[in-house]
Amino acid sequence: MKGDLRKFALAIHLTVSTGWIGAVLAYLAMSLAAQTSRDDLIVRAAWIVMDLTGWYVLVPLAFGSVATGLVMSLGTDWGLFRHYWVLFSFGLTVSAAVILVLHMVEVSALADVARGGENAALDIAGTHLPSQLRQGDLLHPLMGLVVLLIVQVLNVYKPRGLTRYGWRKDQEKRAAPQR
C-alpha cells in the first residue's frame, strides 16, 4: 500500500483499535458497578449493558482491529512475519479477540439471569439476586485492557528484532541488483 491508501487504512486501524480500548473501559465501569453497588436494579442493569456492549461494540471492534491489523501488516513493508513485534502484536490481538468471544457466552448467560430469564429463579422486584451477579467481572476487562495497552505500546515503539524470515528477506533485498 502506498500514500493515501496506507494513511486511510492506518486511520481506520487506529480508530477501531483505540475504540476497542475505550469500550473495554466502559465495560470495566459496568463490571465495577455490578460488583460494588448495593442496588439490585443497578447490578441487573450493569450485566445487561455488559452483554449489549460486549456483543454490539467490543466484539465488532475486536474483529475490526484484527482485520485492519492484518491489512496494515500485509499491505506495508513491516509485513506480518518480518518483525517480532508485529507477530507478537498480532498474536496478542487475535488471542484477545478469541478470549473475548468465549467470555461473552458467560456474560450473556449472566445477563439472562439479570433479566429474569427462564432459568433464573429470582424475584424481579430485586429482593433476591444471585451471588454470581454480585461478583462482577473485573478480571477479564482488566486483563484485556493490559493486553490491549501492551499491543498499543508495541505498535508505537516498534522494538527492533527481525524474525528469521525477515532477516532472510532483508538479505535477499540487499543482494538483489540495484536498478
N, C-alpha and C. Protein backbone atom coordinates (compact mmCIF):
# COMPACT_ATOMS: atom_id res chain seq x y z
N MET A 1 0.84 -1.18 0.00
CA MET A 1 0.00 0.00 0.00
C MET A 1 0.89 1.24 0.00
N LYS A 2 0.46 2.21 -0.72
CA LYS A 2 1.24 3.45 -0.82
C LYS A 2 0.37 4.65 -0.47
N GLY A 3 1.02 5.68 -0.03
CA GLY A 3 0.44 7.01 0.14
C GLY A 3 -0.89 7.10 0.86
N ASP A 4 -1.85 7.66 0.15
CA ASP A 4 -3.16 7.96 0.74
C ASP A 4 -3.92 6.71 1.17
N LEU A 5 -3.79 5.62 0.41
CA LEU A 5 -4.47 4.38 0.78
C LEU A 5 -3.92 3.84 2.11
N ARG A 6 -2.60 3.91 2.28
CA ARG A 6 -1.98 3.45 3.53
C ARG A 6 -2.44 4.32 4.69
N LYS A 7 -2.50 5.63 4.49
CA LYS A 7 -2.94 6.55 5.54
C LYS A 7 -4.40 6.29 5.91
N PHE A 8 -5.23 6.03 4.91
CA PHE A 8 -6.63 5.74 5.15
C PHE A 8 -6.78 4.45 5.96
N ALA A 9 -6.06 3.41 5.55
CA ALA A 9 -6.10 2.13 6.27
C ALA A 9 -5.59 2.30 7.70
N LEU A 10 -4.54 3.09 7.87
CA LEU A 10 -3.99 3.33 9.20
C LEU A 10 -5.00 4.09 10.07
N ALA A 11 -5.68 5.06 9.50
CA ALA A 11 -6.68 5.82 10.25
C ALA A 11 -7.81 4.90 10.73
N ILE A 12 -8.26 4.02 9.87
CA ILE A 12 -9.31 3.07 10.25
C ILE A 12 -8.79 2.15 11.35
N HIS A 13 -7.57 1.63 11.18
CA HIS A 13 -7.00 0.72 12.17
C HIS A 13 -6.85 1.41 13.53
N LEU A 14 -6.36 2.63 13.54
CA LEU A 14 -6.21 3.35 14.81
C LEU A 14 -7.55 3.64 15.46
N THR A 15 -8.54 4.01 14.67
CA THR A 15 -9.87 4.30 15.19
C THR A 15 -10.49 3.06 15.82
N VAL A 16 -10.43 1.96 15.12
CA VAL A 16 -11.02 0.72 15.61
C VAL A 16 -10.28 0.22 16.86
N SER A 17 -8.96 0.26 16.81
CA SER A 17 -8.17 -0.27 17.93
C SER A 17 -8.29 0.58 19.19
N THR A 18 -8.25 1.89 19.05
CA THR A 18 -8.42 2.74 20.24
C THR A 18 -9.88 2.72 20.71
N GLY A 19 -10.80 2.55 19.79
CA GLY A 19 -12.21 2.38 20.17
C GLY A 19 -12.40 1.14 21.02
N TRP A 20 -11.69 0.07 20.68
CA TRP A 20 -11.76 -1.16 21.46
C TRP A 20 -11.30 -0.90 22.90
N ILE A 21 -10.22 -0.16 23.04
CA ILE A 21 -9.72 0.17 24.39
C ILE A 21 -10.77 0.99 25.15
N GLY A 22 -11.37 1.96 24.50
CA GLY A 22 -12.41 2.77 25.14
C GLY A 22 -13.61 1.94 25.55
N ALA A 23 -14.00 1.01 24.70
CA ALA A 23 -15.15 0.16 25.01
C ALA A 23 -14.82 -0.77 26.19
N VAL A 24 -13.59 -1.22 26.28
CA VAL A 24 -13.18 -2.04 27.42
C VAL A 24 -13.28 -1.23 28.71
N LEU A 25 -12.91 0.04 28.65
CA LEU A 25 -13.03 0.90 29.83
C LEU A 25 -14.49 1.07 30.26
N ALA A 26 -15.39 1.21 29.29
CA ALA A 26 -16.82 1.31 29.61
C ALA A 26 -17.32 0.00 30.22
N TYR A 27 -16.89 -1.11 29.65
CA TYR A 27 -17.26 -2.43 30.18
C TYR A 27 -16.74 -2.59 31.61
N LEU A 28 -15.52 -2.14 31.83
CA LEU A 28 -14.92 -2.21 33.17
C LEU A 28 -15.73 -1.39 34.18
N ALA A 29 -16.22 -0.23 33.77
CA ALA A 29 -17.05 0.60 34.65
C ALA A 29 -18.34 -0.13 35.01
N MET A 30 -18.96 -0.80 34.05
CA MET A 30 -20.19 -1.55 34.33
C MET A 30 -19.91 -2.73 35.26
N SER A 31 -18.78 -3.38 35.04
CA SER A 31 -18.41 -4.51 35.89
C SER A 31 -18.16 -4.05 37.33
N LEU A 32 -17.53 -2.91 37.46
CA LEU A 32 -17.27 -2.34 38.78
C LEU A 32 -18.60 -1.98 39.47
N ALA A 33 -19.54 -1.45 38.70
CA ALA A 33 -20.86 -1.13 39.25
C ALA A 33 -21.57 -2.41 39.70
N ALA A 34 -21.45 -3.48 38.91
CA ALA A 34 -22.09 -4.75 39.28
C ALA A 34 -21.49 -5.31 40.56
N GLN A 35 -20.23 -5.10 40.75
CA GLN A 35 -19.55 -5.67 41.92
C GLN A 35 -19.73 -4.83 43.18
N THR A 36 -19.88 -3.54 43.04
CA THR A 36 -19.88 -2.68 44.22
C THR A 36 -21.24 -2.11 44.61
N SER A 37 -22.19 -2.09 43.70
CA SER A 37 -23.48 -1.47 44.01
C SER A 37 -24.29 -2.32 44.98
N ARG A 38 -25.02 -1.64 45.84
CA ARG A 38 -25.94 -2.32 46.77
C ARG A 38 -27.35 -2.37 46.19
N ASP A 39 -27.55 -1.66 45.09
CA ASP A 39 -28.87 -1.59 44.45
C ASP A 39 -28.99 -2.71 43.42
N ASP A 40 -29.93 -3.62 43.66
CA ASP A 40 -30.12 -4.76 42.77
C ASP A 40 -30.43 -4.35 41.33
N LEU A 41 -31.19 -3.28 41.16
CA LEU A 41 -31.54 -2.84 39.80
C LEU A 41 -30.29 -2.37 39.04
N ILE A 42 -29.38 -1.71 39.75
CA ILE A 42 -28.13 -1.27 39.09
C ILE A 42 -27.30 -2.49 38.71
N VAL A 43 -27.23 -3.48 39.58
CA VAL A 43 -26.48 -4.70 39.28
C VAL A 43 -27.07 -5.38 38.05
N ARG A 44 -28.38 -5.52 38.03
CA ARG A 44 -29.05 -6.13 36.87
C ARG A 44 -28.77 -5.33 35.59
N ALA A 45 -28.93 -4.02 35.69
CA ALA A 45 -28.71 -3.17 34.52
C ALA A 45 -27.27 -3.25 34.04
N ALA A 46 -26.32 -3.33 34.97
CA ALA A 46 -24.90 -3.41 34.58
C ALA A 46 -24.64 -4.67 33.76
N TRP A 47 -25.20 -5.81 34.19
CA TRP A 47 -24.99 -7.05 33.43
C TRP A 47 -25.65 -6.99 32.06
N ILE A 48 -26.80 -6.38 31.99
CA ILE A 48 -27.48 -6.26 30.69
C ILE A 48 -26.67 -5.35 29.77
N VAL A 49 -26.16 -4.24 30.30
CA VAL A 49 -25.34 -3.33 29.49
C VAL A 49 -24.02 -4.00 29.09
N MET A 50 -23.43 -4.80 29.99
CA MET A 50 -22.19 -5.50 29.62
C MET A 50 -22.45 -6.47 28.48
N ASP A 51 -23.59 -7.14 28.51
CA ASP A 51 -23.95 -8.06 27.44
C ASP A 51 -24.10 -7.32 26.11
N LEU A 52 -24.86 -6.23 26.14
CA LEU A 52 -25.08 -5.45 24.91
C LEU A 52 -23.78 -4.82 24.41
N THR A 53 -23.02 -4.22 25.32
CA THR A 53 -21.76 -3.60 24.94
C THR A 53 -20.79 -4.64 24.38
N GLY A 54 -20.77 -5.80 25.01
CA GLY A 54 -19.88 -6.86 24.55
C GLY A 54 -20.15 -7.29 23.13
N TRP A 55 -21.41 -7.65 22.86
CA TRP A 55 -21.74 -8.19 21.53
C TRP A 55 -21.83 -7.13 20.44
N TYR A 56 -22.29 -5.93 20.79
CA TYR A 56 -22.52 -4.92 19.75
C TYR A 56 -21.41 -3.88 19.62
N VAL A 57 -20.48 -3.84 20.58
CA VAL A 57 -19.38 -2.89 20.49
C VAL A 57 -18.03 -3.59 20.59
N LEU A 58 -17.80 -4.32 21.69
CA LEU A 58 -16.49 -4.95 21.88
C LEU A 58 -16.13 -5.96 20.80
N VAL A 59 -17.02 -6.90 20.54
CA VAL A 59 -16.72 -7.95 19.56
C VAL A 59 -16.50 -7.37 18.16
N PRO A 60 -17.37 -6.49 17.65
CA PRO A 60 -17.09 -5.91 16.33
C PRO A 60 -15.77 -5.12 16.29
N LEU A 61 -15.48 -4.36 17.34
CA LEU A 61 -14.21 -3.62 17.37
C LEU A 61 -13.02 -4.57 17.43
N ALA A 62 -13.15 -5.65 18.18
CA ALA A 62 -12.06 -6.63 18.27
C ALA A 62 -11.77 -7.23 16.90
N PHE A 63 -12.81 -7.68 16.21
CA PHE A 63 -12.58 -8.28 14.90
C PHE A 63 -12.18 -7.23 13.86
N GLY A 64 -12.66 -6.01 14.02
CA GLY A 64 -12.20 -4.92 13.16
C GLY A 64 -10.73 -4.65 13.36
N SER A 65 -10.28 -4.71 14.61
CA SER A 65 -8.87 -4.49 14.91
C SER A 65 -8.01 -5.60 14.32
N VAL A 66 -8.47 -6.84 14.44
CA VAL A 66 -7.73 -7.96 13.85
C VAL A 66 -7.65 -7.79 12.33
N ALA A 67 -8.79 -7.49 11.71
CA ALA A 67 -8.82 -7.38 10.24
C ALA A 67 -7.97 -6.21 9.74
N THR A 68 -8.11 -5.05 10.36
CA THR A 68 -7.32 -3.90 9.90
C THR A 68 -5.85 -4.05 10.24
N GLY A 69 -5.54 -4.74 11.33
CA GLY A 69 -4.14 -5.03 11.66
C GLY A 69 -3.52 -5.95 10.63
N LEU A 70 -4.28 -6.92 10.17
CA LEU A 70 -3.80 -7.82 9.12
C LEU A 70 -3.57 -7.05 7.82
N VAL A 71 -4.50 -6.18 7.48
CA VAL A 71 -4.34 -5.35 6.28
C VAL A 71 -3.10 -4.49 6.38
N MET A 72 -2.90 -3.86 7.54
CA MET A 72 -1.73 -2.99 7.73
C MET A 72 -0.42 -3.78 7.66
N SER A 73 -0.41 -4.96 8.25
CA SER A 73 0.84 -5.73 8.25
C SER A 73 1.16 -6.28 6.86
N LEU A 74 0.15 -6.77 6.17
CA LEU A 74 0.40 -7.34 4.84
C LEU A 74 0.53 -6.28 3.75
N GLY A 75 -0.03 -5.11 4.01
CA GLY A 75 -0.02 -4.06 2.99
C GLY A 75 1.12 -3.06 3.13
N THR A 76 1.98 -3.26 4.10
CA THR A 76 3.11 -2.34 4.29
C THR A 76 4.42 -3.12 4.34
N ASP A 77 5.52 -2.40 4.39
CA ASP A 77 6.84 -3.04 4.45
C ASP A 77 7.09 -3.76 5.77
N TRP A 78 6.30 -3.47 6.79
CA TRP A 78 6.50 -4.14 8.08
C TRP A 78 6.26 -5.64 7.94
N GLY A 79 5.27 -6.02 7.17
CA GLY A 79 4.96 -7.43 6.98
C GLY A 79 4.43 -8.08 8.25
N LEU A 80 3.83 -9.23 8.11
CA LEU A 80 3.29 -9.95 9.26
C LEU A 80 4.35 -10.83 9.91
N PHE A 81 5.27 -11.35 9.12
CA PHE A 81 6.24 -12.32 9.64
C PHE A 81 7.67 -11.80 9.66
N ARG A 82 7.88 -10.54 9.36
CA ARG A 82 9.25 -10.00 9.27
C ARG A 82 9.81 -9.54 10.61
N HIS A 83 8.95 -8.96 11.46
CA HIS A 83 9.41 -8.39 12.73
C HIS A 83 8.69 -9.08 13.89
N TYR A 84 9.46 -9.34 14.94
CA TYR A 84 8.87 -9.99 16.11
C TYR A 84 7.73 -9.18 16.71
N TRP A 85 7.90 -7.85 16.76
CA TRP A 85 6.87 -7.03 17.41
C TRP A 85 5.54 -7.10 16.66
N VAL A 86 5.59 -7.21 15.33
CA VAL A 86 4.34 -7.30 14.55
C VAL A 86 3.67 -8.65 14.82
N LEU A 87 4.46 -9.69 14.79
CA LEU A 87 3.94 -11.04 15.01
C LEU A 87 3.36 -11.16 16.43
N PHE A 88 4.08 -10.65 17.42
CA PHE A 88 3.64 -10.70 18.80
C PHE A 88 2.38 -9.85 18.98
N SER A 89 2.37 -8.67 18.41
CA SER A 89 1.22 -7.78 18.50
C SER A 89 -0.02 -8.41 17.87
N PHE A 90 0.14 -8.99 16.71
CA PHE A 90 -0.98 -9.63 16.03
C PHE A 90 -1.47 -10.84 16.81
N GLY A 91 -0.55 -11.63 17.33
CA GLY A 91 -0.92 -12.80 18.13
C GLY A 91 -1.70 -12.41 19.38
N LEU A 92 -1.26 -11.36 20.06
CA LEU A 92 -1.98 -10.89 21.24
C LEU A 92 -3.37 -10.38 20.88
N THR A 93 -3.48 -9.68 19.76
CA THR A 93 -4.77 -9.14 19.33
C THR A 93 -5.74 -10.26 18.99
N VAL A 94 -5.27 -11.26 18.25
CA VAL A 94 -6.13 -12.39 17.90
C VAL A 94 -6.54 -13.14 19.17
N SER A 95 -5.59 -13.36 20.06
CA SER A 95 -5.90 -14.07 21.31
C SER A 95 -6.93 -13.30 22.13
N ALA A 96 -6.77 -12.00 22.23
CA ALA A 96 -7.72 -11.18 22.98
C ALA A 96 -9.11 -11.25 22.36
N ALA A 97 -9.19 -11.24 21.04
CA ALA A 97 -10.49 -11.31 20.37
C ALA A 97 -11.16 -12.67 20.61
N VAL A 98 -10.39 -13.74 20.53
CA VAL A 98 -10.95 -15.08 20.75
C VAL A 98 -11.42 -15.24 22.20
N ILE A 99 -10.59 -14.81 23.15
CA ILE A 99 -10.96 -14.90 24.57
C ILE A 99 -12.21 -14.06 24.84
N LEU A 100 -12.30 -12.91 24.21
CA LEU A 100 -13.47 -12.06 24.38
C LEU A 100 -14.74 -12.79 23.95
N VAL A 101 -14.72 -13.39 22.78
CA VAL A 101 -15.92 -14.08 22.28
C VAL A 101 -16.29 -15.24 23.20
N LEU A 102 -15.29 -16.01 23.63
CA LEU A 102 -15.57 -17.12 24.54
C LEU A 102 -16.15 -16.62 25.87
N HIS A 103 -15.63 -15.51 26.34
CA HIS A 103 -16.10 -14.93 27.60
C HIS A 103 -17.52 -14.35 27.46
N MET A 104 -17.85 -13.83 26.32
CA MET A 104 -19.16 -13.21 26.13
C MET A 104 -20.30 -14.22 26.26
N VAL A 105 -20.03 -15.48 26.02
CA VAL A 105 -21.07 -16.51 26.21
C VAL A 105 -21.49 -16.55 27.68
N GLU A 106 -20.51 -16.51 28.58
CA GLU A 106 -20.79 -16.49 30.02
C GLU A 106 -21.50 -15.20 30.43
N VAL A 107 -21.05 -14.08 29.86
CA VAL A 107 -21.68 -12.80 30.17
C VAL A 107 -23.15 -12.81 29.74
N SER A 108 -23.42 -13.37 28.58
CA SER A 108 -24.81 -13.44 28.09
C SER A 108 -25.66 -14.29 29.01
N ALA A 109 -25.10 -15.39 29.52
CA ALA A 109 -25.86 -16.25 30.44
C ALA A 109 -26.18 -15.49 31.73
N LEU A 110 -25.21 -14.74 32.24
CA LEU A 110 -25.45 -13.96 33.45
C LEU A 110 -26.40 -12.79 33.19
N ALA A 111 -26.32 -12.20 32.01
CA ALA A 111 -27.27 -11.13 31.66
C ALA A 111 -28.68 -11.69 31.57
N ASP A 112 -28.82 -12.93 31.10
CA ASP A 112 -30.13 -13.57 31.05
C ASP A 112 -30.68 -13.77 32.47
N VAL A 113 -29.79 -14.14 33.39
CA VAL A 113 -30.20 -14.26 34.79
C VAL A 113 -30.64 -12.89 35.31
N ALA A 114 -29.88 -11.85 34.96
CA ALA A 114 -30.22 -10.50 35.41
C ALA A 114 -31.56 -10.04 34.85
N ARG A 115 -31.89 -10.47 33.65
CA ARG A 115 -33.18 -10.11 33.03
C ARG A 115 -34.34 -10.90 33.65
N GLY A 116 -34.00 -11.95 34.40
CA GLY A 116 -35.05 -12.80 34.97
C GLY A 116 -35.51 -13.83 33.97
N GLY A 117 -34.58 -14.35 33.18
CA GLY A 117 -34.88 -15.34 32.15
C GLY A 117 -35.43 -16.63 32.71
N GLU A 118 -35.77 -17.56 31.83
CA GLU A 118 -36.39 -18.83 32.21
C GLU A 118 -35.65 -19.56 33.32
N ASN A 119 -34.34 -19.60 33.22
CA ASN A 119 -33.55 -20.37 34.18
C ASN A 119 -33.23 -19.61 35.45
N ALA A 120 -33.74 -18.43 35.57
CA ALA A 120 -33.42 -17.60 36.72
C ALA A 120 -34.54 -17.68 37.74
N ALA A 121 -34.24 -18.29 38.87
CA ALA A 121 -35.23 -18.38 39.94
C ALA A 121 -35.02 -17.20 40.88
N LEU A 122 -35.54 -16.05 40.49
CA LEU A 122 -35.37 -14.88 41.34
C LEU A 122 -36.57 -13.96 41.24
N ASP A 123 -36.65 -13.15 42.21
CA ASP A 123 -37.73 -12.18 42.32
C ASP A 123 -37.32 -10.93 41.56
N ILE A 124 -38.03 -10.58 40.51
CA ILE A 124 -37.67 -9.44 39.66
C ILE A 124 -37.72 -8.13 40.44
N ALA A 125 -38.47 -8.09 41.51
CA ALA A 125 -38.53 -6.86 42.31
C ALA A 125 -37.19 -6.54 42.96
N GLY A 126 -36.26 -7.47 42.91
CA GLY A 126 -34.92 -7.19 43.43
C GLY A 126 -34.68 -7.68 44.84
N THR A 127 -35.57 -8.50 45.37
CA THR A 127 -35.37 -8.96 46.74
C THR A 127 -34.40 -10.13 46.79
N HIS A 128 -34.17 -10.78 45.68
CA HIS A 128 -33.24 -11.90 45.65
C HIS A 128 -32.38 -11.77 44.39
N LEU A 129 -31.09 -11.65 44.58
CA LEU A 129 -30.18 -11.52 43.45
C LEU A 129 -29.11 -12.60 43.56
N PRO A 130 -28.94 -13.44 42.54
CA PRO A 130 -27.93 -14.49 42.61
C PRO A 130 -26.53 -13.91 42.88
N SER A 131 -25.75 -14.65 43.64
CA SER A 131 -24.43 -14.16 44.04
C SER A 131 -23.50 -13.97 42.84
N GLN A 132 -23.72 -14.74 41.77
CA GLN A 132 -22.86 -14.58 40.58
C GLN A 132 -22.94 -13.16 40.03
N LEU A 133 -24.10 -12.56 40.11
CA LEU A 133 -24.27 -11.21 39.58
C LEU A 133 -23.56 -10.18 40.46
N ARG A 134 -23.48 -10.45 41.74
CA ARG A 134 -22.82 -9.53 42.66
C ARG A 134 -21.29 -9.58 42.53
N GLN A 135 -20.77 -10.66 42.00
CA GLN A 135 -19.31 -10.81 41.92
C GLN A 135 -18.69 -9.91 40.87
N GLY A 136 -19.46 -9.47 39.92
CA GLY A 136 -18.90 -8.64 38.86
C GLY A 136 -17.97 -9.45 37.98
N ASP A 137 -17.20 -8.76 37.20
CA ASP A 137 -16.31 -9.43 36.26
C ASP A 137 -15.11 -8.51 36.01
N LEU A 138 -14.32 -8.27 37.02
CA LEU A 138 -13.21 -7.34 36.88
C LEU A 138 -11.99 -7.96 36.20
N LEU A 139 -11.78 -9.26 36.37
CA LEU A 139 -10.58 -9.90 35.84
C LEU A 139 -10.49 -9.80 34.32
N HIS A 140 -11.55 -10.16 33.62
CA HIS A 140 -11.49 -10.16 32.15
C HIS A 140 -11.26 -8.77 31.57
N PRO A 141 -12.01 -7.76 31.96
CA PRO A 141 -11.74 -6.44 31.36
C PRO A 141 -10.38 -5.87 31.77
N LEU A 142 -9.94 -6.13 33.00
CA LEU A 142 -8.63 -5.63 33.41
C LEU A 142 -7.51 -6.29 32.61
N MET A 143 -7.58 -7.61 32.49
CA MET A 143 -6.54 -8.32 31.72
C MET A 143 -6.62 -7.94 30.24
N GLY A 144 -7.84 -7.79 29.73
CA GLY A 144 -7.99 -7.37 28.33
C GLY A 144 -7.39 -5.99 28.11
N LEU A 145 -7.62 -5.09 29.05
CA LEU A 145 -7.07 -3.74 28.95
C LEU A 145 -5.54 -3.78 28.96
N VAL A 146 -4.96 -4.57 29.83
CA VAL A 146 -3.50 -4.71 29.89
C VAL A 146 -2.95 -5.23 28.57
N VAL A 147 -3.58 -6.25 28.02
CA VAL A 147 -3.12 -6.82 26.75
C VAL A 147 -3.22 -5.77 25.64
N LEU A 148 -4.34 -5.05 25.57
CA LEU A 148 -4.51 -4.05 24.52
C LEU A 148 -3.50 -2.90 24.67
N LEU A 149 -3.19 -2.53 25.89
CA LEU A 149 -2.19 -1.48 26.10
C LEU A 149 -0.78 -1.97 25.73
N ILE A 150 -0.49 -3.23 25.99
CA ILE A 150 0.80 -3.80 25.56
C ILE A 150 0.90 -3.75 24.04
N VAL A 151 -0.17 -4.14 23.38
CA VAL A 151 -0.18 -4.10 21.90
C VAL A 151 0.01 -2.67 21.42
N GLN A 152 -0.65 -1.73 22.05
CA GLN A 152 -0.51 -0.33 21.65
C GLN A 152 0.93 0.15 21.82
N VAL A 153 1.55 -0.19 22.93
CA VAL A 153 2.95 0.21 23.17
C VAL A 153 3.87 -0.43 22.13
N LEU A 154 3.66 -1.69 21.83
CA LEU A 154 4.47 -2.35 20.79
C LEU A 154 4.32 -1.64 19.45
N ASN A 155 3.10 -1.25 19.11
CA ASN A 155 2.86 -0.60 17.83
C ASN A 155 3.41 0.81 17.76
N VAL A 156 3.56 1.46 18.90
CA VAL A 156 4.12 2.81 18.91
C VAL A 156 5.66 2.75 18.89
N TYR A 157 6.24 1.89 19.73
CA TYR A 157 7.70 1.86 19.86
C TYR A 157 8.39 0.97 18.84
N LYS A 158 7.70 -0.01 18.29
CA LYS A 158 8.24 -0.89 17.26
C LYS A 158 9.66 -1.38 17.60
N PRO A 159 9.79 -2.21 18.63
CA PRO A 159 11.13 -2.67 19.03
C PRO A 159 11.83 -3.40 17.89
N ARG A 160 13.13 -3.27 17.86
CA ARG A 160 13.91 -3.94 16.81
C ARG A 160 13.88 -5.44 17.00
N GLY A 161 14.21 -6.12 15.95
CA GLY A 161 14.30 -7.58 16.00
C GLY A 161 13.57 -8.21 14.84
N LEU A 162 14.35 -8.76 13.92
CA LEU A 162 13.77 -9.44 12.77
C LEU A 162 13.62 -10.92 13.06
N THR A 163 12.58 -11.50 12.50
CA THR A 163 12.43 -12.95 12.55
C THR A 163 13.42 -13.54 11.54
N ARG A 164 13.58 -14.84 11.55
CA ARG A 164 14.47 -15.49 10.54
C ARG A 164 13.98 -15.16 9.13
N TYR A 165 12.68 -15.22 8.95
CA TYR A 165 12.09 -14.88 7.65
C TYR A 165 12.43 -13.44 7.27
N GLY A 166 12.26 -12.52 8.20
CA GLY A 166 12.56 -11.11 7.94
C GLY A 166 14.03 -10.89 7.64
N TRP A 167 14.90 -11.56 8.38
CA TRP A 167 16.34 -11.44 8.14
C TRP A 167 16.68 -11.95 6.75
N ARG A 168 16.12 -13.11 6.36
CA ARG A 168 16.37 -13.68 5.04
C ARG A 168 15.87 -12.74 3.93
N LYS A 169 14.69 -12.17 4.11
CA LYS A 169 14.15 -11.25 3.11
C LYS A 169 15.02 -10.00 2.99
N ASP A 170 15.53 -9.49 4.11
CA ASP A 170 16.44 -8.34 4.06
C ASP A 170 17.72 -8.68 3.32
N GLN A 171 18.26 -9.88 3.55
CA GLN A 171 19.47 -10.31 2.86
C GLN A 171 19.23 -10.43 1.36
N GLU A 172 18.09 -10.98 0.99
CA GLU A 172 17.74 -11.12 -0.44
C GLU A 172 17.61 -9.74 -1.08
N LYS A 173 17.01 -8.80 -0.37
CA LYS A 173 16.82 -7.46 -0.88
C LYS A 173 18.17 -6.75 -1.10
N ARG A 174 19.09 -6.94 -0.16
CA ARG A 174 20.42 -6.34 -0.27
C ARG A 174 21.23 -6.98 -1.40
N ALA A 175 21.05 -8.28 -1.61
CA ALA A 175 21.81 -8.98 -2.64
C ALA A 175 21.26 -8.73 -4.04
N ALA A 176 20.04 -8.30 -4.15
CA ALA A 176 19.42 -8.05 -5.46
C ALA A 176 20.12 -6.86 -6.13
N PRO A 177 20.31 -6.96 -7.45
CA PRO A 177 20.94 -5.85 -8.17
C PRO A 177 20.09 -4.59 -8.11
N GLN A 178 20.73 -3.46 -7.88
CA GLN A 178 20.05 -2.17 -7.80
C GLN A 178 19.68 -1.69 -9.20
N ARG A 179 18.50 -1.15 -9.35
CA ARG A 179 18.06 -0.64 -10.66
C ARG A 179 17.99 0.83 -10.65
